[in-house]
Amino acid sequence: MPYKISKAIGWWLALLALILLAIAALRNPGTGDVPDRPPGVTPASSPAAAFGAGGYTSPAGVGNPIALGGCVVRFDTLSPSGKSVVPRIHANSAHQCVGITSVAADWTNGDLIVTADGGNDVVTFLVGSDESFAQRGIMCGPSGGGTTTRISCYRGGVKVPAYSLQLYGPGMNLWLIALWWAA
């Protein structure tokens, strides 16, 4: 008998939760927002929408002029002295390189400089570290993303220069993906 009572209470609580959700949806029809939005502020009147009026945001659509690029950067080549690594574009029958024209280590600050012909306005630029980077605890991230992107790598919060032997290995790859606004 106690099981039947607790089961009935559970059903009633579930029904009450559904009713409360329906009431909340009726109070905020079509917004999908939290109820503490200031009165009179709608997505169309938000600062981001006003900024978009300047031409820097666009609705998603199949007709958008997006250029897609990507490339693999490999760290398997040593300098002539053998004291540093020379990053290179890794392109062959299994690895296409699209939109990325060159990579080089910046000897002044250790960034990896990626040059591209994809466009000046970046939509997004992603850097994926492969399993070799992950095994060594090295993470990398981009800055910029137009015709020149700077990639910085870190291990435990300490910068690892793009020419460092810590990045050297036969399968040390960074996978780059870029989307550019091509209008």
N, C-alpha and C. Protein backbone atom coordinates (compact mmCIF):
# COMPACT_ATOMS: atom_id res chain seq x y z
N MET A 1 0.80 -1.21 0.00
CA MET A 1 0.00 0.00 0.00
C MET A 1 0.85 1.27 0.00
N PRO A 2 1.94 1.39 0.82
CA PRO A 2 2.74 2.62 0.79
C PRO A 2 3.34 2.88 -0.60
N TYR A 3 3.67 1.80 -1.35
CA TYR A 3 4.23 1.98 -2.69
C TYR A 3 3.21 2.64 -3.61
N LYS A 4 1.95 2.21 -3.53
CA LYS A 4 0.91 2.80 -4.38
C LYS A 4 0.70 4.27 -4.05
N ILE A 5 0.78 4.62 -2.76
CA ILE A 5 0.61 6.02 -2.36
C ILE A 5 1.76 6.86 -2.90
N SER A 6 2.99 6.37 -2.74
CA SER A 6 4.14 7.15 -3.21
C SER A 6 4.12 7.26 -4.73
N LYS A 7 3.66 6.23 -5.43
CA LYS A 7 3.57 6.28 -6.88
C LYS A 7 2.54 7.32 -7.30
N ALA A 8 1.42 7.38 -6.60
CA ALA A 8 0.38 8.36 -6.91
C ALA A 8 0.88 9.78 -6.65
N ILE A 9 1.61 9.95 -5.57
CA ILE A 9 2.17 11.27 -5.26
C ILE A 9 3.17 11.68 -6.34
N GLY A 10 3.97 10.74 -6.82
CA GLY A 10 4.92 11.02 -7.88
C GLY A 10 4.25 11.50 -9.15
N TRP A 11 3.13 10.85 -9.52
CA TRP A 11 2.38 11.26 -10.71
C TRP A 11 1.81 12.66 -10.53
N TRP A 12 1.29 12.94 -9.33
CA TRP A 12 0.73 14.27 -9.08
C TRP A 12 1.81 15.35 -9.13
N LEU A 13 2.99 15.05 -8.60
CA LEU A 13 4.09 16.01 -8.66
C LEU A 13 4.53 16.26 -10.11
N ALA A 14 4.56 15.20 -10.92
CA ALA A 14 4.92 15.36 -12.32
C ALA A 14 3.89 16.22 -13.04
N LEU A 15 2.61 15.99 -12.75
CA LEU A 15 1.55 16.79 -13.37
C LEU A 15 1.67 18.25 -12.93
N LEU A 16 1.95 18.49 -11.66
CA LEU A 16 2.12 19.85 -11.16
C LEU A 16 3.30 20.54 -11.85
N ALA A 17 4.40 19.83 -12.05
CA ALA A 17 5.56 20.39 -12.74
C ALA A 17 5.20 20.79 -14.17
N LEU A 18 4.44 19.96 -14.88
CA LEU A 18 4.02 20.29 -16.24
C LEU A 18 3.13 21.52 -16.27
N ILE A 19 2.23 21.63 -15.29
CA ILE A 19 1.35 22.80 -15.23
C ILE A 19 2.17 24.06 -14.99
N LEU A 20 3.14 24.00 -14.09
CA LEU A 20 3.98 25.17 -13.81
C LEU A 20 4.81 25.56 -15.04
N LEU A 21 5.31 24.58 -15.78
CA LEU A 21 6.04 24.88 -17.01
C LEU A 21 5.14 25.55 -18.05
N ALA A 22 3.90 25.08 -18.14
CA ALA A 22 2.95 25.68 -19.09
C ALA A 22 2.64 27.12 -18.71
N ILE A 23 2.48 27.38 -17.42
CA ILE A 23 2.21 28.75 -16.96
C ILE A 23 3.41 29.65 -17.27
N ALA A 24 4.62 29.15 -17.03
CA ALA A 24 5.82 29.94 -17.32
C ALA A 24 5.92 30.24 -18.82
N ALA A 25 5.57 29.27 -19.66
CA ALA A 25 5.63 29.49 -21.10
C ALA A 25 4.60 30.53 -21.54
N LEU A 26 3.44 30.54 -20.91
CA LEU A 26 2.42 31.52 -21.25
C LEU A 26 2.83 32.93 -20.83
N ARG A 27 3.60 33.03 -19.77
CA ARG A 27 4.05 34.36 -19.31
C ARG A 27 5.10 34.94 -20.24
N ASN A 28 5.88 34.10 -20.93
CA ASN A 28 6.92 34.53 -21.85
C ASN A 28 6.70 33.89 -23.21
N PRO A 29 5.63 34.20 -23.90
CA PRO A 29 5.34 33.50 -25.15
C PRO A 29 6.38 33.81 -26.23
N GLY A 30 6.93 32.75 -26.79
CA GLY A 30 7.79 32.88 -27.96
C GLY A 30 9.19 33.42 -27.71
N THR A 31 9.52 33.82 -26.50
CA THR A 31 10.85 34.38 -26.30
C THR A 31 11.87 33.32 -25.94
N GLY A 32 11.44 32.31 -25.16
CA GLY A 32 12.38 31.30 -24.72
C GLY A 32 13.39 31.85 -23.74
N ASP A 33 13.16 33.05 -23.25
CA ASP A 33 14.11 33.70 -22.36
C ASP A 33 13.74 33.49 -20.90
N VAL A 34 14.66 33.83 -20.05
CA VAL A 34 14.40 33.78 -18.62
C VAL A 34 13.44 34.90 -18.25
N PRO A 35 12.62 34.70 -17.22
CA PRO A 35 11.60 35.71 -16.89
C PRO A 35 12.14 37.00 -16.30
N ASP A 36 13.43 37.12 -16.01
CA ASP A 36 13.93 38.35 -15.39
C ASP A 36 14.47 39.35 -16.41
N ARG A 37 14.10 39.20 -17.67
CA ARG A 37 14.50 40.17 -18.68
C ARG A 37 13.85 41.51 -18.34
N PRO A 38 14.59 42.60 -18.41
CA PRO A 38 14.01 43.92 -18.11
C PRO A 38 12.83 44.22 -19.04
N PRO A 39 11.80 44.89 -18.52
CA PRO A 39 10.64 45.20 -19.34
C PRO A 39 11.03 46.03 -20.56
N GLY A 40 10.45 45.71 -21.70
CA GLY A 40 10.69 46.46 -22.92
C GLY A 40 11.92 46.06 -23.69
N VAL A 41 12.75 45.17 -23.14
CA VAL A 41 13.95 44.73 -23.85
C VAL A 41 13.63 43.41 -24.54
N THR A 42 13.69 43.42 -25.84
CA THR A 42 13.45 42.22 -26.64
C THR A 42 14.72 41.93 -27.41
N PRO A 43 14.84 40.73 -27.98
CA PRO A 43 16.06 40.46 -28.76
C PRO A 43 16.30 41.51 -29.84
N ALA A 44 15.25 42.05 -30.46
CA ALA A 44 15.43 43.03 -31.52
C ALA A 44 15.90 44.39 -30.99
N SER A 45 15.67 44.67 -29.69
CA SER A 45 16.09 45.96 -29.15
C SER A 45 17.34 45.85 -28.28
N SER A 46 17.96 44.67 -28.27
CA SER A 46 19.14 44.49 -27.44
C SER A 46 20.34 45.18 -28.06
N PRO A 47 21.39 45.46 -27.27
CA PRO A 47 22.59 46.10 -27.82
C PRO A 47 23.21 45.29 -28.95
N ALA A 48 23.17 43.95 -28.85
CA ALA A 48 23.76 43.12 -29.91
C ALA A 48 23.02 43.32 -31.22
N ALA A 49 21.68 43.43 -31.16
CA ALA A 49 20.91 43.63 -32.39
C ALA A 49 21.21 45.00 -32.97
N ALA A 50 21.36 46.00 -32.10
CA ALA A 50 21.68 47.34 -32.60
C ALA A 50 23.05 47.34 -33.27
N PHE A 51 24.01 46.59 -32.70
CA PHE A 51 25.33 46.46 -33.30
C PHE A 51 25.22 45.79 -34.66
N GLY A 52 24.32 44.78 -34.74
CA GLY A 52 24.11 44.06 -35.99
C GLY A 52 23.61 44.97 -37.09
N ALA A 53 22.93 46.04 -36.73
CA ALA A 53 22.44 46.97 -37.74
C ALA A 53 23.60 47.60 -38.48
N GLY A 54 24.80 47.58 -37.89
CA GLY A 54 25.98 48.12 -38.54
C GLY A 54 26.58 47.18 -39.58
N GLY A 55 25.96 46.03 -39.76
CA GLY A 55 26.42 45.11 -40.78
C GLY A 55 27.40 44.04 -40.30
N TYR A 56 27.55 43.87 -38.99
CA TYR A 56 28.51 42.90 -38.49
C TYR A 56 27.89 41.61 -38.01
N THR A 57 26.58 41.50 -38.03
CA THR A 57 25.93 40.23 -37.74
C THR A 57 24.95 39.95 -38.86
N SER A 58 24.72 38.68 -39.12
CA SER A 58 23.82 38.28 -40.19
C SER A 58 23.03 37.06 -39.75
N PRO A 59 21.82 36.92 -40.24
CA PRO A 59 21.06 35.70 -39.93
C PRO A 59 21.69 34.51 -40.64
N ALA A 60 21.53 33.35 -40.06
CA ALA A 60 22.02 32.14 -40.70
C ALA A 60 21.24 31.90 -41.98
N GLY A 61 21.91 31.39 -42.99
CA GLY A 61 21.23 31.11 -44.23
C GLY A 61 22.13 30.42 -45.23
N VAL A 62 21.52 29.66 -46.13
CA VAL A 62 22.30 28.92 -47.11
C VAL A 62 22.93 29.84 -48.15
N GLY A 63 22.43 31.07 -48.26
CA GLY A 63 22.97 32.00 -49.24
C GLY A 63 24.11 32.87 -48.72
N ASN A 64 24.54 32.67 -47.49
CA ASN A 64 25.62 33.48 -46.93
C ASN A 64 26.94 33.22 -47.67
N PRO A 65 27.71 34.26 -47.92
CA PRO A 65 28.98 34.11 -48.63
C PRO A 65 30.10 33.66 -47.70
N ILE A 66 30.11 32.40 -47.36
CA ILE A 66 31.09 31.84 -46.43
C ILE A 66 32.16 31.08 -47.20
N ALA A 67 33.41 31.34 -46.88
CA ALA A 67 34.53 30.58 -47.44
C ALA A 67 35.06 29.66 -46.34
N LEU A 68 35.22 28.40 -46.67
CA LEU A 68 35.69 27.40 -45.73
C LEU A 68 37.14 27.07 -46.03
N GLY A 69 37.95 27.03 -44.99
CA GLY A 69 39.35 26.66 -45.16
C GLY A 69 39.78 25.72 -44.06
N GLY A 70 40.86 25.03 -44.28
CA GLY A 70 41.39 24.14 -43.26
C GLY A 70 42.72 23.57 -43.70
N CYS A 71 43.46 23.10 -42.73
CA CYS A 71 44.79 22.61 -43.03
C CYS A 71 45.34 21.85 -41.82
N VAL A 72 46.32 21.02 -42.07
CA VAL A 72 47.05 20.35 -41.00
C VAL A 72 48.44 20.98 -40.93
N VAL A 73 48.85 21.36 -39.73
CA VAL A 73 50.20 21.86 -39.51
C VAL A 73 50.95 20.77 -38.75
N ARG A 74 52.08 20.35 -39.28
CA ARG A 74 52.85 19.27 -38.67
C ARG A 74 54.17 19.81 -38.13
N PHE A 75 54.61 19.22 -37.03
CA PHE A 75 55.83 19.63 -36.32
C PHE A 75 56.84 18.48 -36.31
N ASP A 76 57.17 17.99 -37.50
CA ASP A 76 58.06 16.83 -37.61
C ASP A 76 59.40 17.14 -38.28
N THR A 77 59.69 18.42 -38.47
CA THR A 77 60.92 18.82 -39.16
C THR A 77 61.81 19.62 -38.20
N LEU A 78 63.05 19.20 -38.09
CA LEU A 78 64.01 19.94 -37.26
C LEU A 78 64.74 20.98 -38.08
N SER A 79 65.17 22.03 -37.42
CA SER A 79 66.01 23.05 -38.07
C SER A 79 67.36 22.41 -38.40
N PRO A 80 68.16 23.06 -39.26
CA PRO A 80 69.48 22.49 -39.60
C PRO A 80 70.35 22.23 -38.36
N SER A 81 70.23 23.06 -37.33
CA SER A 81 71.04 22.85 -36.12
C SER A 81 70.48 21.73 -35.25
N GLY A 82 69.21 21.37 -35.49
CA GLY A 82 68.57 20.34 -34.65
C GLY A 82 68.12 20.85 -33.30
N LYS A 83 68.21 22.17 -33.08
CA LYS A 83 67.87 22.75 -31.78
C LYS A 83 66.47 23.34 -31.73
N SER A 84 65.75 23.27 -32.86
CA SER A 84 64.38 23.79 -32.88
C SER A 84 63.57 23.03 -33.93
N VAL A 85 62.25 23.14 -33.81
CA VAL A 85 61.36 22.50 -34.76
C VAL A 85 60.90 23.55 -35.78
N VAL A 86 60.66 23.12 -36.99
CA VAL A 86 60.17 24.00 -38.05
C VAL A 86 58.77 23.53 -38.43
N PRO A 87 57.72 24.25 -37.99
CA PRO A 87 56.37 23.83 -38.37
C PRO A 87 56.16 23.96 -39.87
N ARG A 88 55.34 23.06 -40.43
CA ARG A 88 55.12 23.08 -41.87
C ARG A 88 53.68 22.69 -42.17
N ILE A 89 53.20 23.12 -43.34
CA ILE A 89 51.90 22.66 -43.84
C ILE A 89 52.06 21.21 -44.24
N HIS A 90 51.16 20.36 -43.75
CA HIS A 90 51.18 18.94 -44.09
C HIS A 90 50.08 18.69 -45.11
N ALA A 91 50.45 18.60 -46.38
CA ALA A 91 49.48 18.37 -47.45
C ALA A 91 49.98 17.25 -48.34
N ASN A 92 49.09 16.30 -48.61
CA ASN A 92 49.42 15.17 -49.48
C ASN A 92 48.12 14.58 -49.99
N SER A 93 48.15 13.37 -50.54
CA SER A 93 46.94 12.77 -51.11
C SER A 93 45.87 12.51 -50.05
N ALA A 94 46.24 12.47 -48.80
CA ALA A 94 45.27 12.23 -47.73
C ALA A 94 44.94 13.49 -46.92
N HIS A 95 45.68 14.57 -47.12
CA HIS A 95 45.50 15.79 -46.35
C HIS A 95 45.49 17.00 -47.28
N GLN A 96 44.32 17.54 -47.55
CA GLN A 96 44.21 18.73 -48.38
C GLN A 96 44.41 19.97 -47.51
N CYS A 97 45.00 20.99 -48.06
CA CYS A 97 45.13 22.28 -47.37
C CYS A 97 44.38 23.30 -48.20
N VAL A 98 43.39 23.95 -47.59
CA VAL A 98 42.51 24.87 -48.31
C VAL A 98 42.54 26.23 -47.63
N GLY A 99 42.94 27.26 -48.37
CA GLY A 99 42.88 28.62 -47.87
C GLY A 99 44.03 29.05 -46.99
N ILE A 100 44.81 28.13 -46.49
CA ILE A 100 45.98 28.45 -45.67
C ILE A 100 47.19 28.43 -46.61
N THR A 101 47.92 29.53 -46.67
CA THR A 101 49.01 29.62 -47.64
C THR A 101 50.40 29.41 -47.04
N SER A 102 50.56 29.69 -45.74
CA SER A 102 51.88 29.48 -45.13
C SER A 102 51.76 29.43 -43.61
N VAL A 103 52.76 28.81 -42.99
CA VAL A 103 52.89 28.79 -41.53
C VAL A 103 54.35 29.04 -41.19
N ALA A 104 54.58 29.70 -40.08
CA ALA A 104 55.95 29.98 -39.64
C ALA A 104 55.95 30.28 -38.15
N ALA A 105 57.06 29.97 -37.51
CA ALA A 105 57.22 30.32 -36.10
C ALA A 105 57.70 31.76 -35.99
N ASP A 106 57.09 32.50 -35.06
CA ASP A 106 57.54 33.86 -34.76
C ASP A 106 58.59 33.76 -33.66
N TRP A 107 59.82 34.09 -34.00
CA TRP A 107 60.93 33.93 -33.05
C TRP A 107 60.93 35.00 -31.97
N THR A 108 60.12 36.05 -32.11
CA THR A 108 60.08 37.09 -31.08
C THR A 108 59.17 36.72 -29.92
N ASN A 109 58.03 36.06 -30.19
CA ASN A 109 57.10 35.73 -29.10
C ASN A 109 56.67 34.27 -29.09
N GLY A 110 57.13 33.47 -30.04
CA GLY A 110 56.85 32.05 -30.04
C GLY A 110 55.52 31.63 -30.66
N ASP A 111 54.75 32.58 -31.19
CA ASP A 111 53.47 32.22 -31.81
C ASP A 111 53.72 31.50 -33.14
N LEU A 112 52.73 30.71 -33.54
CA LEU A 112 52.69 30.15 -34.88
C LEU A 112 51.91 31.14 -35.73
N ILE A 113 52.52 31.63 -36.80
CA ILE A 113 51.87 32.59 -37.69
C ILE A 113 51.27 31.81 -38.86
N VAL A 114 49.95 31.94 -39.02
CA VAL A 114 49.25 31.27 -40.11
C VAL A 114 48.76 32.35 -41.07
N THR A 115 49.16 32.24 -42.33
CA THR A 115 48.73 33.18 -43.36
C THR A 115 47.71 32.48 -44.24
N ALA A 116 46.64 33.22 -44.57
CA ALA A 116 45.55 32.63 -45.34
C ALA A 116 45.08 33.57 -46.43
N ASP A 117 44.45 33.00 -47.44
CA ASP A 117 43.85 33.82 -48.49
C ASP A 117 42.34 33.77 -48.43
N GLY A 118 41.80 33.29 -47.32
CA GLY A 118 40.36 33.10 -47.20
C GLY A 118 39.56 34.38 -47.12
N GLY A 119 40.09 35.42 -46.57
CA GLY A 119 39.36 36.67 -46.46
C GLY A 119 39.77 37.46 -45.24
N ASN A 120 39.37 38.72 -45.19
CA ASN A 120 39.74 39.57 -44.06
C ASN A 120 38.84 39.39 -42.85
N ASP A 121 37.55 39.11 -43.08
CA ASP A 121 36.59 39.02 -41.98
C ASP A 121 36.41 37.57 -41.56
N VAL A 122 36.85 37.26 -40.36
CA VAL A 122 36.74 35.89 -39.87
C VAL A 122 35.36 35.67 -39.25
N VAL A 123 34.78 34.52 -39.51
CA VAL A 123 33.56 34.10 -38.83
C VAL A 123 33.98 33.27 -37.62
N THR A 124 34.84 32.29 -37.84
CA THR A 124 35.41 31.52 -36.74
C THR A 124 36.71 30.87 -37.20
N PHE A 125 37.58 30.63 -36.26
CA PHE A 125 38.85 29.96 -36.54
C PHE A 125 39.09 29.00 -35.39
N LEU A 126 39.20 27.72 -35.70
CA LEU A 126 39.35 26.69 -34.68
C LEU A 126 40.71 26.01 -34.83
N VAL A 127 41.31 25.68 -33.70
CA VAL A 127 42.56 24.94 -33.68
C VAL A 127 42.32 23.67 -32.88
N GLY A 128 42.51 22.54 -33.53
CA GLY A 128 42.36 21.25 -32.86
C GLY A 128 43.71 20.61 -32.67
N SER A 129 44.01 20.28 -31.44
CA SER A 129 45.25 19.58 -31.14
C SER A 129 45.01 18.08 -31.30
N ASP A 130 45.93 17.38 -31.94
CA ASP A 130 45.73 15.95 -32.10
C ASP A 130 46.12 15.20 -30.83
N GLU A 131 46.05 13.87 -30.90
CA GLU A 131 46.30 13.05 -29.71
C GLU A 131 47.73 13.19 -29.21
N SER A 132 48.69 13.51 -30.09
CA SER A 132 50.08 13.69 -29.65
C SER A 132 50.21 14.93 -28.78
N PHE A 133 49.54 16.02 -29.17
CA PHE A 133 49.52 17.23 -28.34
C PHE A 133 48.81 16.95 -27.02
N ALA A 134 47.68 16.26 -27.11
CA ALA A 134 46.90 15.96 -25.89
C ALA A 134 47.71 15.12 -24.91
N GLN A 135 48.43 14.13 -25.43
CA GLN A 135 49.24 13.26 -24.57
C GLN A 135 50.31 14.06 -23.83
N ARG A 136 50.81 15.10 -24.47
CA ARG A 136 51.84 15.94 -23.84
C ARG A 136 51.25 17.08 -23.02
N GLY A 137 49.92 17.18 -23.01
CA GLY A 137 49.27 18.22 -22.21
C GLY A 137 49.39 19.61 -22.80
N ILE A 138 49.52 19.71 -24.12
CA ILE A 138 49.69 21.00 -24.78
C ILE A 138 48.38 21.39 -25.44
N MET A 139 47.93 22.61 -25.14
CA MET A 139 46.71 23.16 -25.74
C MET A 139 47.09 24.40 -26.53
N CYS A 140 46.37 24.63 -27.64
CA CYS A 140 46.67 25.78 -28.50
C CYS A 140 45.38 26.51 -28.85
N GLY A 141 45.50 27.82 -29.04
CA GLY A 141 44.34 28.62 -29.40
C GLY A 141 44.72 29.75 -30.34
N PRO A 142 43.75 30.19 -31.17
CA PRO A 142 44.02 31.23 -32.16
C PRO A 142 43.72 32.63 -31.65
N SER A 143 44.35 33.60 -32.29
CA SER A 143 44.04 35.01 -32.11
C SER A 143 44.08 35.62 -33.50
N GLY A 144 43.09 36.41 -33.83
CA GLY A 144 42.99 36.95 -35.18
C GLY A 144 42.06 36.07 -35.99
N GLY A 145 42.44 35.77 -37.20
CA GLY A 145 41.63 34.87 -38.00
C GLY A 145 41.32 35.40 -39.38
N GLY A 146 41.77 36.58 -39.71
CA GLY A 146 41.59 37.09 -41.07
C GLY A 146 42.66 36.52 -41.97
N THR A 147 43.44 37.36 -42.59
CA THR A 147 44.53 36.87 -43.44
C THR A 147 45.72 36.40 -42.61
N THR A 148 45.81 36.86 -41.35
CA THR A 148 46.88 36.41 -40.45
C THR A 148 46.28 36.00 -39.11
N THR A 149 46.61 34.80 -38.69
CA THR A 149 46.17 34.28 -37.40
C THR A 149 47.40 33.88 -36.61
N ARG A 150 47.41 34.24 -35.33
CA ARG A 150 48.51 33.85 -34.45
C ARG A 150 47.99 32.76 -33.53
N ILE A 151 48.71 31.66 -33.46
CA ILE A 151 48.32 30.54 -32.60
C ILE A 151 49.35 30.42 -31.49
N SER A 152 48.85 30.42 -30.26
CA SER A 152 49.72 30.26 -29.09
C SER A 152 49.43 28.92 -28.44
N CYS A 153 50.48 28.24 -28.01
CA CYS A 153 50.35 26.95 -27.36
C CYS A 153 50.85 27.04 -25.91
N TYR A 154 50.20 26.30 -25.03
CA TYR A 154 50.53 26.33 -23.61
C TYR A 154 50.49 24.93 -23.01
N ARG A 155 51.34 24.73 -22.03
CA ARG A 155 51.33 23.51 -21.21
C ARG A 155 51.35 23.97 -19.76
N GLY A 156 50.29 23.65 -19.05
CA GLY A 156 50.22 24.04 -17.64
C GLY A 156 50.31 25.53 -17.43
N GLY A 157 49.77 26.33 -18.36
CA GLY A 157 49.79 27.78 -18.24
C GLY A 157 51.08 28.44 -18.68
N VAL A 158 52.04 27.66 -19.13
CA VAL A 158 53.33 28.20 -19.58
C VAL A 158 53.39 28.08 -21.10
N LYS A 159 53.75 29.18 -21.75
CA LYS A 159 53.79 29.18 -23.21
C LYS A 159 54.84 28.22 -23.74
N VAL A 160 54.44 27.47 -24.77
CA VAL A 160 55.35 26.59 -25.49
C VAL A 160 55.54 27.20 -26.88
N PRO A 161 56.71 27.76 -27.18
CA PRO A 161 56.93 28.40 -28.48
C PRO A 161 56.74 27.42 -29.64
N ALA A 162 56.29 27.94 -30.78
CA ALA A 162 56.03 27.12 -31.97
C ALA A 162 57.31 26.47 -32.51
N TYR A 163 58.47 26.95 -32.08
CA TYR A 163 59.74 26.37 -32.52
C TYR A 163 60.34 25.43 -31.47
N SER A 164 59.64 25.23 -30.35
CA SER A 164 60.16 24.43 -29.25
C SER A 164 60.24 22.95 -29.60
N LEU A 165 61.28 22.29 -29.12
CA LEU A 165 61.42 20.85 -29.32
C LEU A 165 60.32 20.08 -28.58
N GLN A 166 59.60 20.73 -27.65
CA GLN A 166 58.48 20.07 -26.98
C GLN A 166 57.37 19.72 -27.99
N LEU A 167 57.34 20.41 -29.13
CA LEU A 167 56.33 20.17 -30.16
C LEU A 167 56.80 19.18 -31.22
N TYR A 168 58.05 18.78 -31.16
CA TYR A 168 58.61 17.92 -32.21
C TYR A 168 58.12 16.49 -32.06
N GLY A 169 57.76 15.89 -33.21
CA GLY A 169 57.39 14.47 -33.24
C GLY A 169 56.85 14.10 -34.60
N PRO A 170 56.91 12.82 -34.96
CA PRO A 170 56.49 12.38 -36.28
C PRO A 170 54.99 12.57 -36.55
N GLY A 171 54.18 12.62 -35.53
CA GLY A 171 52.74 12.79 -35.75
C GLY A 171 52.16 13.95 -34.98
N MET A 172 52.97 14.96 -34.70
CA MET A 172 52.50 16.14 -33.95
C MET A 172 51.78 17.07 -34.92
N ASN A 173 50.44 17.10 -34.83
CA ASN A 173 49.63 17.87 -35.76
C ASN A 173 48.71 18.85 -35.05
N LEU A 174 48.55 20.01 -35.65
CA LEU A 174 47.46 20.92 -35.30
C LEU A 174 46.52 20.92 -36.50
N TRP A 175 45.23 20.78 -36.22
CA TRP A 175 44.21 20.79 -37.26
C TRP A 175 43.53 22.14 -37.24
N LEU A 176 43.57 22.85 -38.36
CA LEU A 176 43.01 24.19 -38.45
C LEU A 176 41.72 24.16 -39.28
N ILE A 177 40.70 24.86 -38.78
CA ILE A 177 39.45 25.03 -39.51
C ILE A 177 39.09 26.51 -39.45
N ALA A 178 38.82 27.10 -40.61
CA ALA A 178 38.49 28.52 -40.66
C ALA A 178 37.25 28.74 -41.51
N LEU A 179 36.42 29.67 -41.08
CA LEU A 179 35.31 30.16 -41.87
C LEU A 179 35.50 31.66 -42.02
N TRP A 180 35.47 32.15 -43.25
CA TRP A 180 35.62 33.56 -43.52
C TRP A 180 34.38 34.10 -44.19
N TRP A 181 34.05 35.34 -43.93
CA TRP A 181 32.97 36.04 -44.60
C TRP A 181 33.54 36.51 -45.93
N ALA A 182 33.00 36.01 -47.02
CA ALA A 182 33.61 36.27 -48.33
C ALA A 182 32.87 37.34 -49.15
N ALA A 183 32.07 38.17 -48.51
CA ALA A 183 31.33 39.19 -49.23
C ALA A 183 32.20 40.38 -49.55
